[in-house]
Amino acid sequence: MDVVNLRAELENVTDYWSPRVLGRVNDQYIKVAKLKGEFVWHKHDDEDELFYIVRGSLVIQYEDGNVQLGEGDFHIVPRGKMHNPVADEECWIALIEPVSTKHTGDVVSDRTKSIEEQTAAS
């Protein structure tokens, strides 16, 4: 039986905003990523996504307000909701999201990673 340590996996992540798939539970991927700076405004029309803060802090901007997250916090971004993650300092996160979730949702940018890129390091 496999055991995965999120912190150990995050130690190996070198690029910001580049999620790595660590596992799959039914139709959900478990991912880790390091974040720093501002991402891109986007939404996922058909999928919710869970952000869990392993280290640091994160603000998830919404059009109607912000959600502030610290170590140990998690927040579920509802499907169809425009959002933009922002980390002033390096932030380590775990993500749980359906396998159908596109990295930057309805937006394509230079930060967009395909699922092939996200699974290549796993």
C-alpha atoms as a PDB file:
ATOM      1  CA  MET A   1       0.000   0.000   0.000  1.00  0.00           C
ATOM      2  CA  ASP A   2       1.315   3.414  -0.994  1.00  0.00           C
ATOM      3  CA  VAL A   3       1.973   6.176   1.499  1.00  0.00           C
ATOM      4  CA  VAL A   4       2.515   9.705   0.201  1.00  0.00           C
ATOM      5  CA  ASN A   5       3.851  12.578   2.298  1.00  0.00           C
ATOM      6  CA  LEU A   6       2.536  15.925   1.000  1.00  0.00           C
ATOM      7  CA  ARG A   7       5.391  17.966   2.499  1.00  0.00           C
ATOM      8  CA  ALA A   8       8.038  15.663   1.041  1.00  0.00           C
ATOM      9  CA  GLU A   9       6.396  15.819  -2.381  1.00  0.00           C
ATOM     10  CA  LEU A  10       6.184  19.611  -2.178  1.00  0.00           C
ATOM     11  CA  GLU A  11       9.918  19.807  -1.381  1.00  0.00           C
ATOM     12  CA  ASN A  12      10.496  18.433  -4.912  1.00  0.00           C
ATOM     13  CA  VAL A  13       8.278  20.987  -6.674  1.00  0.00           C
ATOM     14  CA  THR A  14      10.442  23.651  -8.322  1.00  0.00           C
ATOM     15  CA  ASP A  15       8.058  25.643 -10.538  1.00  0.00           C
ATOM     16  CA  TYR A  16       5.325  27.926  -9.257  1.00  0.00           C
ATOM     17  CA  TRP A  17       1.759  27.424 -10.514  1.00  0.00           C
ATOM     18  CA  SER A  18       2.614  23.987 -11.930  1.00  0.00           C
ATOM     19  CA  PRO A  19       0.480  21.334 -10.179  1.00  0.00           C
ATOM     20  CA  ARG A  20       1.705  17.744  -9.849  1.00  0.00           C
ATOM     21  CA  VAL A  21      -0.738  14.867  -9.660  1.00  0.00           C
ATOM     22  CA  LEU A  22       0.125  12.590  -6.725  1.00  0.00           C
ATOM     23  CA  GLY A  23      -2.839  10.256  -6.818  1.00  0.00           C
ATOM     24  CA  ARG A  24      -6.392   9.596  -7.815  1.00  0.00           C
ATOM     25  CA  VAL A  25      -9.419   8.771  -5.687  1.00  0.00           C
ATOM     26  CA  ASN A  26     -12.229   7.628  -7.962  1.00  0.00           C
ATOM     27  CA  ASP A  27     -12.743  10.579 -10.319  1.00  0.00           C
ATOM     28  CA  GLN A  28     -10.743  13.094  -8.235  1.00  0.00           C
ATOM     29  CA  TYR A  29      -7.068  13.974  -8.561  1.00  0.00           C
ATOM     30  CA  ILE A  30      -4.947  14.803  -5.529  1.00  0.00           C
ATOM     31  CA  LYS A  31      -2.396  17.433  -6.572  1.00  0.00           C
ATOM     32  CA  VAL A  32       0.283  19.592  -4.959  1.00  0.00           C
ATOM     33  CA  ALA A  33       1.676  22.922  -6.110  1.00  0.00           C
ATOM     34  CA  LYS A  34       3.760  25.849  -4.983  1.00  0.00           C
ATOM     35  CA  LEU A  35       2.286  29.281  -5.593  1.00  0.00           C
ATOM     36  CA  LYS A  36       3.789  32.744  -5.565  1.00  0.00           C
ATOM     37  CA  GLY A  37       2.413  35.948  -7.028  1.00  0.00           C
ATOM     38  CA  GLU A  38      -0.862  36.304  -8.865  1.00  0.00           C
ATOM     39  CA  PHE A  39      -2.339  33.574 -11.052  1.00  0.00           C
ATOM     40  CA  VAL A  40      -5.061  34.325 -13.613  1.00  0.00           C
ATOM     41  CA  TRP A  41      -8.777  35.063 -13.317  1.00  0.00           C
ATOM     42  CA  HIS A  42     -10.677  31.965 -14.445  1.00  0.00           C
ATOM     43  CA  LYS A  43     -13.547  29.616 -13.634  1.00  0.00           C
ATOM     44  CA  HIS A  44     -14.407  25.963 -13.948  1.00  0.00           C
ATOM     45  CA  ASP A  45     -17.941  25.701 -15.319  1.00  0.00           C
ATOM     46  CA  ASP A  46     -18.583  22.123 -14.190  1.00  0.00           C
ATOM     47  CA  GLU A  47     -16.173  21.408 -11.326  1.00  0.00           C
ATOM     48  CA  ASP A  48     -15.648  22.510  -7.734  1.00  0.00           C
ATOM     49  CA  GLU A  49     -12.033  22.525  -6.504  1.00  0.00           C
ATOM     50  CA  LEU A  50     -10.612  22.274  -3.013  1.00  0.00           C
ATOM     51  CA  PHE A  51      -7.539  24.284  -1.958  1.00  0.00           C
ATOM     52  CA  TYR A  52      -5.777  23.038   1.220  1.00  0.00           C
ATOM     53  CA  ILE A  53      -2.936  25.201   2.572  1.00  0.00           C
ATOM     54  CA  VAL A  54       0.055  23.126   3.669  1.00  0.00           C
ATOM     55  CA  ARG A  55       2.422  26.071   4.248  1.00  0.00           C
ATOM     56  CA  GLY A  56       2.069  29.830   3.941  1.00  0.00           C
ATOM     57  CA  SER A  57      -1.053  31.770   3.092  1.00  0.00           C
ATOM     58  CA  LEU A  58      -3.253  32.363   0.075  1.00  0.00           C
ATOM     59  CA  VAL A  59      -5.937  34.822  -0.934  1.00  0.00           C
ATOM     60  CA  ILE A  60      -8.570  33.627  -3.346  1.00  0.00           C
ATOM     61  CA  GLN A  61     -10.029  36.672  -5.017  1.00  0.00           C
ATOM     62  CA  TYR A  62     -13.633  36.634  -6.144  1.00  0.00           C
ATOM     63  CA  GLU A  63     -15.490  39.350  -8.005  1.00  0.00           C
ATOM     64  CA  ASP A  64     -17.535  40.027  -4.863  1.00  0.00           C
ATOM     65  CA  GLY A  65     -14.814  39.667  -2.182  1.00  0.00           C
ATOM     66  CA  ASN A  66     -11.782  37.703  -1.042  1.00  0.00           C
ATOM     67  CA  VAL A  67     -11.167  34.586   1.026  1.00  0.00           C
ATOM     68  CA  GLN A  68      -7.983  34.564   3.164  1.00  0.00           C
ATOM     69  CA  LEU A  69      -6.466  31.131   3.897  1.00  0.00           C
ATOM     70  CA  GLY A  70      -3.648  30.172   6.273  1.00  0.00           C
ATOM     71  CA  GLU A  71      -1.816  26.948   7.103  1.00  0.00           C
ATOM     72  CA  GLY A  72      -4.238  24.121   7.760  1.00  0.00           C
ATOM     73  CA  ASP A  73      -7.195  25.898   6.142  1.00  0.00           C
ATOM     74  CA  PHE A  74      -9.114  24.638   3.157  1.00  0.00           C
ATOM     75  CA  HIS A  75     -11.630  26.307   0.884  1.00  0.00           C
ATOM     76  CA  ILE A  76     -13.837  24.953  -1.872  1.00  0.00           C
ATOM     77  CA  VAL A  77     -14.160  27.144  -4.939  1.00  0.00           C
ATOM     78  CA  PRO A  78     -17.659  26.569  -6.318  1.00  0.00           C
ATOM     79  CA  ARG A  79     -18.088  25.575  -9.941  1.00  0.00           C
ATOM     80  CA  GLY A  80     -18.768  28.468 -12.285  1.00  0.00           C
ATOM     81  CA  LYS A  81     -17.330  31.075  -9.871  1.00  0.00           C
ATOM     82  CA  MET A  82     -14.688  33.463 -11.276  1.00  0.00           C
ATOM     83  CA  HIS A  83     -11.629  33.386  -9.017  1.00  0.00           C
ATOM     84  CA  ASN A  84      -7.958  34.303  -8.888  1.00  0.00           C
ATOM     85  CA  PRO A  85      -5.497  32.779  -6.385  1.00  0.00           C
ATOM     86  CA  VAL A  86      -2.841  35.200  -5.059  1.00  0.00           C
ATOM     87  CA  ALA A  87       0.129  34.357  -2.808  1.00  0.00           C
ATOM     88  CA  ASP A  88       2.297  37.270  -1.678  1.00  0.00           C
ATOM     89  CA  GLU A  89       4.936  34.812  -0.434  1.00  0.00           C
ATOM     90  CA  GLU A  90       5.587  31.196  -1.395  1.00  0.00           C
ATOM     91  CA  CYS A  91       2.583  29.042  -0.528  1.00  0.00           C
ATOM     92  CA  TRP A  92       2.365  25.240  -0.589  1.00  0.00           C
ATOM     93  CA  ILE A  93      -1.017  23.752  -1.413  1.00  0.00           C
ATOM     94  CA  ALA A  94      -2.814  20.495  -2.023  1.00  0.00           C
ATOM     95  CA  LEU A  95      -5.687  20.461  -4.491  1.00  0.00           C
ATOM     96  CA  ILE A  96      -8.532  18.004  -4.821  1.00  0.00           C
ATOM     97  CA  GLU A  97     -10.452  18.342  -8.033  1.00  0.00           C
ATOM     98  CA  PRO A  98     -12.249  16.199 -10.626  1.00  0.00           C
ATOM     99  CA  VAL A  99     -10.036  14.664 -13.303  1.00  0.00           C
ATOM    100  CA  SER A 100     -11.929  16.714 -15.898  1.00  0.00           C
ATOM    101  CA  THR A 101     -10.776  20.042 -14.373  1.00  0.00           C
ATOM    102  CA  LYS A 102      -8.685  22.147 -16.730  1.00  0.00           C
ATOM    103  CA  HIS A 103      -5.813  23.935 -14.988  1.00  0.00           C
ATOM    104  CA  THR A 104      -6.905  27.453 -15.893  1.00  0.00           C
ATOM    105  CA  GLY A 105     -10.518  26.581 -16.584  1.00  0.00           C
ATOM    106  CA  ASP A 106     -12.023  28.651 -19.372  1.00  0.00           C
ATOM    107  CA  VAL A 107      -8.827  30.710 -19.893  1.00  0.00           C
ATOM    108  CA  VAL A 108      -5.617  29.762 -21.686  1.00  0.00           C
ATOM    109  CA  SER A 109      -2.467  31.574 -20.575  1.00  0.00           C
ATOM    110  CA  ASP A 110       1.283  31.039 -20.489  1.00  0.00           C
ATOM    111  CA  ARG A 111       0.765  29.402 -17.080  1.00  0.00           C
ATOM    112  CA  THR A 112      -1.741  26.803 -18.338  1.00  0.00           C
ATOM    113  CA  LYS A 113      -0.541  23.225 -17.771  1.00  0.00           C
ATOM    114  CA  SER A 114      -2.099  20.242 -19.522  1.00  0.00           C
ATOM    115  CA  ILE A 115      -3.002  17.157 -17.518  1.00  0.00           C
ATOM    116  CA  GLU A 116      -0.108  15.412 -19.285  1.00  0.00           C
ATOM    117  CA  GLU A 117       2.277  18.022 -17.879  1.00  0.00           C
ATOM    118  CA  GLN A 118       0.715  17.655 -14.423  1.00  0.00           C
ATOM    119  CA  THR A 119       1.070  13.860 -14.399  1.00  0.00           C
ATOM    120  CA  ALA A 120       4.525  13.700 -16.010  1.00  0.00           C
ATOM    121  CA  ALA A 121       6.352  14.226 -12.722  1.00  0.00           C
ATOM    122  CA  SER A 122       4.281  11.718 -10.777  1.00  0.00           C
END
